[in-house]
Amino acid sequence: MTVDPELLEILVCPKTKGELELVELPAEVRADLIEKYRIHFRDEEPVVEEALYCAESGLVYPVVSDIPIMLVEDALPASAIGR
């Protein structure tokens, strides 16, 4: 699963309105996010592999089962992806 390139072109960081970059998430971060979002996916396992990173804000927005979670309060710090 991946973010549609056309969607990626129009999405911006909700905090800074900065540009977003599609990045791979480390395995341990993926596992934590799967557990966090499992409750929202009653009949299936959420898929978490990528995120949207904003260098300007230093925030990482997870993409869960093709849905970008674009909430500042749910964003991860850049250190989650080694930046």
N, C-alpha and C. Protein backbone atom coordinates (compact mmCIF):
# COMPACT_ATOMS: atom_id res chain seq x y z
N MET A 1 0.84 -1.18 0.00
CA MET A 1 0.00 0.00 0.00
C MET A 1 0.89 1.24 0.00
N THR A 2 0.46 2.23 -0.72
CA THR A 2 1.23 3.47 -0.77
C THR A 2 0.29 4.65 -1.00
N VAL A 3 0.77 5.82 -0.69
CA VAL A 3 -0.02 7.03 -0.87
C VAL A 3 -0.06 7.38 -2.35
N ASP A 4 -1.24 7.70 -2.82
CA ASP A 4 -1.43 8.10 -4.22
C ASP A 4 -0.56 9.33 -4.50
N PRO A 5 0.24 9.31 -5.57
CA PRO A 5 1.11 10.45 -5.89
C PRO A 5 0.35 11.77 -6.05
N GLU A 6 -0.86 11.72 -6.59
CA GLU A 6 -1.65 12.94 -6.74
C GLU A 6 -2.05 13.50 -5.38
N LEU A 7 -2.37 12.62 -4.44
CA LEU A 7 -2.72 13.05 -3.09
C LEU A 7 -1.49 13.65 -2.41
N LEU A 8 -0.35 13.02 -2.59
CA LEU A 8 0.88 13.51 -1.99
C LEU A 8 1.23 14.92 -2.47
N GLU A 9 0.90 15.22 -3.71
CA GLU A 9 1.17 16.54 -4.26
C GLU A 9 0.36 17.64 -3.58
N ILE A 10 -0.84 17.32 -3.09
CA ILE A 10 -1.69 18.37 -2.50
C ILE A 10 -1.65 18.41 -0.97
N LEU A 11 -1.19 17.33 -0.34
CA LEU A 11 -1.11 17.32 1.12
C LEU A 11 0.04 18.19 1.60
N VAL A 12 -0.19 18.87 2.72
CA VAL A 12 0.85 19.67 3.37
C VAL A 12 0.79 19.39 4.87
N CYS A 13 1.85 19.74 5.55
CA CYS A 13 1.90 19.58 7.00
C CYS A 13 0.83 20.48 7.62
N PRO A 14 -0.02 19.93 8.48
CA PRO A 14 -1.07 20.76 9.08
C PRO A 14 -0.52 21.81 10.05
N LYS A 15 0.69 21.62 10.54
CA LYS A 15 1.28 22.59 11.48
C LYS A 15 1.94 23.75 10.76
N THR A 16 2.73 23.45 9.71
CA THR A 16 3.53 24.50 9.06
C THR A 16 3.12 24.79 7.62
N LYS A 17 2.28 23.93 7.07
CA LYS A 17 1.90 23.98 5.64
C LYS A 17 3.10 23.66 4.75
N GLY A 18 4.12 23.02 5.35
CA GLY A 18 5.32 22.63 4.62
C GLY A 18 5.12 21.39 3.77
N GLU A 19 6.07 21.16 2.89
CA GLU A 19 6.05 20.01 1.98
C GLU A 19 6.27 18.72 2.75
N LEU A 20 5.66 17.64 2.24
CA LEU A 20 5.77 16.33 2.88
C LEU A 20 6.56 15.37 1.99
N GLU A 21 7.31 14.49 2.64
CA GLU A 21 8.10 13.48 1.94
C GLU A 21 7.64 12.10 2.41
N LEU A 22 7.41 11.19 1.49
CA LEU A 22 7.02 9.83 1.83
C LEU A 22 8.26 9.07 2.31
N VAL A 23 8.18 8.48 3.52
CA VAL A 23 9.32 7.75 4.10
C VAL A 23 8.85 6.39 4.62
N GLU A 24 9.79 5.46 4.69
CA GLU A 24 9.53 4.14 5.27
C GLU A 24 9.68 4.24 6.79
N LEU A 25 8.83 3.51 7.51
CA LEU A 25 8.92 3.48 8.96
C LEU A 25 9.75 2.28 9.42
N PRO A 26 10.55 2.46 10.47
CA PRO A 26 11.29 1.32 11.04
C PRO A 26 10.32 0.28 11.60
N ALA A 27 10.73 -0.97 11.64
CA ALA A 27 9.87 -2.07 12.08
C ALA A 27 9.29 -1.87 13.47
N GLU A 28 10.09 -1.39 14.42
CA GLU A 28 9.58 -1.21 15.78
C GLU A 28 8.51 -0.12 15.86
N VAL A 29 8.65 0.92 15.05
CA VAL A 29 7.65 1.98 15.00
C VAL A 29 6.36 1.44 14.36
N ARG A 30 6.51 0.65 13.31
CA ARG A 30 5.35 0.03 12.65
C ARG A 30 4.55 -0.80 13.65
N ALA A 31 5.24 -1.63 14.42
CA ALA A 31 4.57 -2.51 15.39
C ALA A 31 3.79 -1.69 16.42
N ASP A 32 4.38 -0.61 16.93
CA ASP A 32 3.70 0.24 17.90
C ASP A 32 2.45 0.88 17.30
N LEU A 33 2.57 1.34 16.07
CA LEU A 33 1.42 1.98 15.41
C LEU A 33 0.30 0.99 15.09
N ILE A 34 0.68 -0.23 14.72
CA ILE A 34 -0.34 -1.26 14.46
C ILE A 34 -1.16 -1.49 15.73
N GLU A 35 -0.49 -1.58 16.86
CA GLU A 35 -1.21 -1.76 18.13
C GLU A 35 -2.07 -0.55 18.45
N LYS A 36 -1.55 0.64 18.22
CA LYS A 36 -2.29 1.87 18.52
C LYS A 36 -3.58 1.97 17.70
N TYR A 37 -3.52 1.61 16.42
CA TYR A 37 -4.66 1.79 15.53
C TYR A 37 -5.51 0.53 15.35
N ARG A 38 -5.14 -0.57 15.99
CA ARG A 38 -5.89 -1.83 15.87
C ARG A 38 -7.36 -1.67 16.23
N ILE A 39 -7.66 -0.89 17.24
CA ILE A 39 -9.04 -0.70 17.69
C ILE A 39 -9.94 -0.10 16.59
N HIS A 40 -9.35 0.65 15.68
CA HIS A 40 -10.12 1.29 14.60
C HIS A 40 -10.41 0.34 13.44
N PHE A 41 -9.77 -0.82 13.43
CA PHE A 41 -9.92 -1.79 12.35
C PHE A 41 -10.42 -3.10 12.94
N ARG A 42 -11.69 -3.17 13.17
CA ARG A 42 -12.28 -4.30 13.89
C ARG A 42 -12.04 -5.66 13.24
N ASP A 43 -12.20 -5.75 11.94
CA ASP A 43 -12.15 -7.04 11.26
C ASP A 43 -10.86 -7.30 10.49
N GLU A 44 -9.93 -6.38 10.54
CA GLU A 44 -8.69 -6.59 9.79
C GLU A 44 -7.51 -5.94 10.51
N GLU A 45 -6.35 -6.39 10.16
CA GLU A 45 -5.11 -5.86 10.72
C GLU A 45 -4.75 -4.56 10.00
N PRO A 46 -4.51 -3.45 10.74
CA PRO A 46 -4.09 -2.23 10.06
C PRO A 46 -2.70 -2.43 9.42
N VAL A 47 -2.50 -1.82 8.26
CA VAL A 47 -1.22 -1.90 7.56
C VAL A 47 -0.50 -0.57 7.75
N VAL A 48 0.67 -0.65 8.33
CA VAL A 48 1.47 0.55 8.57
C VAL A 48 2.88 0.28 8.06
N GLU A 49 3.27 0.96 7.00
CA GLU A 49 4.60 0.79 6.44
C GLU A 49 5.30 2.12 6.18
N GLU A 50 4.50 3.14 5.87
CA GLU A 50 5.06 4.43 5.46
C GLU A 50 4.49 5.56 6.31
N ALA A 51 5.11 6.72 6.13
CA ALA A 51 4.66 7.92 6.81
C ALA A 51 5.00 9.12 5.93
N LEU A 52 4.44 10.23 6.30
CA LEU A 52 4.73 11.50 5.62
C LEU A 52 5.54 12.36 6.57
N TYR A 53 6.72 12.76 6.13
CA TYR A 53 7.65 13.52 6.96
C TYR A 53 7.73 14.96 6.50
N CYS A 54 7.65 15.88 7.46
CA CYS A 54 7.82 17.31 7.18
C CYS A 54 9.11 17.78 7.84
N ALA A 55 10.10 18.14 7.04
CA ALA A 55 11.39 18.60 7.57
C ALA A 55 11.23 19.92 8.33
N GLU A 56 10.32 20.76 7.87
CA GLU A 56 10.13 22.07 8.48
C GLU A 56 9.63 21.96 9.92
N SER A 57 8.67 21.09 10.16
CA SER A 57 8.11 20.94 11.51
C SER A 57 8.81 19.84 12.30
N GLY A 58 9.51 18.93 11.61
CA GLY A 58 10.13 17.81 12.28
C GLY A 58 9.12 16.77 12.75
N LEU A 59 7.97 16.72 12.06
CA LEU A 59 6.92 15.78 12.43
C LEU A 59 6.74 14.70 11.36
N VAL A 60 6.32 13.54 11.81
CA VAL A 60 6.09 12.38 10.96
C VAL A 60 4.64 11.94 11.13
N TYR A 61 3.89 11.93 10.03
CA TYR A 61 2.48 11.56 10.05
C TYR A 61 2.33 10.14 9.49
N PRO A 62 1.90 9.19 10.32
CA PRO A 62 1.79 7.80 9.83
C PRO A 62 0.70 7.63 8.78
N VAL A 63 0.92 6.68 7.89
CA VAL A 63 -0.09 6.29 6.90
C VAL A 63 -0.57 4.91 7.33
N VAL A 64 -1.85 4.83 7.71
CA VAL A 64 -2.42 3.59 8.23
C VAL A 64 -3.44 3.06 7.24
N SER A 65 -3.15 1.90 6.65
CA SER A 65 -4.05 1.29 5.65
C SER A 65 -4.46 2.31 4.59
N ASP A 66 -3.46 2.97 4.02
CA ASP A 66 -3.63 3.96 2.95
C ASP A 66 -4.26 5.27 3.40
N ILE A 67 -4.44 5.49 4.70
CA ILE A 67 -5.05 6.72 5.20
C ILE A 67 -3.99 7.52 5.95
N PRO A 68 -3.60 8.68 5.41
CA PRO A 68 -2.65 9.52 6.14
C PRO A 68 -3.32 10.10 7.39
N ILE A 69 -2.69 9.90 8.54
CA ILE A 69 -3.21 10.43 9.80
C ILE A 69 -2.57 11.81 9.99
N MET A 70 -3.28 12.84 9.55
CA MET A 70 -2.72 14.19 9.48
C MET A 70 -3.12 15.04 10.68
N LEU A 71 -3.01 14.48 11.87
CA LEU A 71 -3.30 15.21 13.10
C LEU A 71 -1.99 15.50 13.82
N VAL A 72 -1.75 16.76 14.14
CA VAL A 72 -0.51 17.14 14.81
C VAL A 72 -0.35 16.36 16.11
N GLU A 73 -1.44 16.18 16.86
CA GLU A 73 -1.35 15.48 18.14
C GLU A 73 -1.03 13.99 18.00
N ASP A 74 -1.22 13.41 16.82
CA ASP A 74 -0.89 12.01 16.57
C ASP A 74 0.42 11.83 15.80
N ALA A 75 1.07 12.93 15.48
CA ALA A 75 2.33 12.87 14.72
C ALA A 75 3.46 12.36 15.60
N LEU A 76 4.45 11.77 14.98
CA LEU A 76 5.63 11.28 15.66
C LEU A 76 6.77 12.28 15.49
N PRO A 77 7.73 12.29 16.40
CA PRO A 77 8.90 13.16 16.19
C PRO A 77 9.79 12.58 15.09
N ALA A 78 10.59 13.45 14.49
CA ALA A 78 11.49 13.02 13.42
C ALA A 78 12.47 11.95 13.88
N SER A 79 12.75 11.90 15.16
CA SER A 79 13.67 10.89 15.70
C SER A 79 13.12 9.47 15.51
N ALA A 80 11.80 9.33 15.31
CA ALA A 80 11.19 8.01 15.08
C ALA A 80 11.68 7.39 13.77
N ILE A 81 12.13 8.23 12.85
CA ILE A 81 12.65 7.73 11.58
C ILE A 81 14.14 8.02 11.43
N GLY A 82 14.77 8.38 12.54
CA GLY A 82 16.22 8.60 12.53
C GLY A 82 16.66 9.92 11.94
N ARG A 83 15.81 10.92 12.03
CA ARG A 83 16.20 12.24 11.50
C ARG A 83 16.25 13.28 12.60
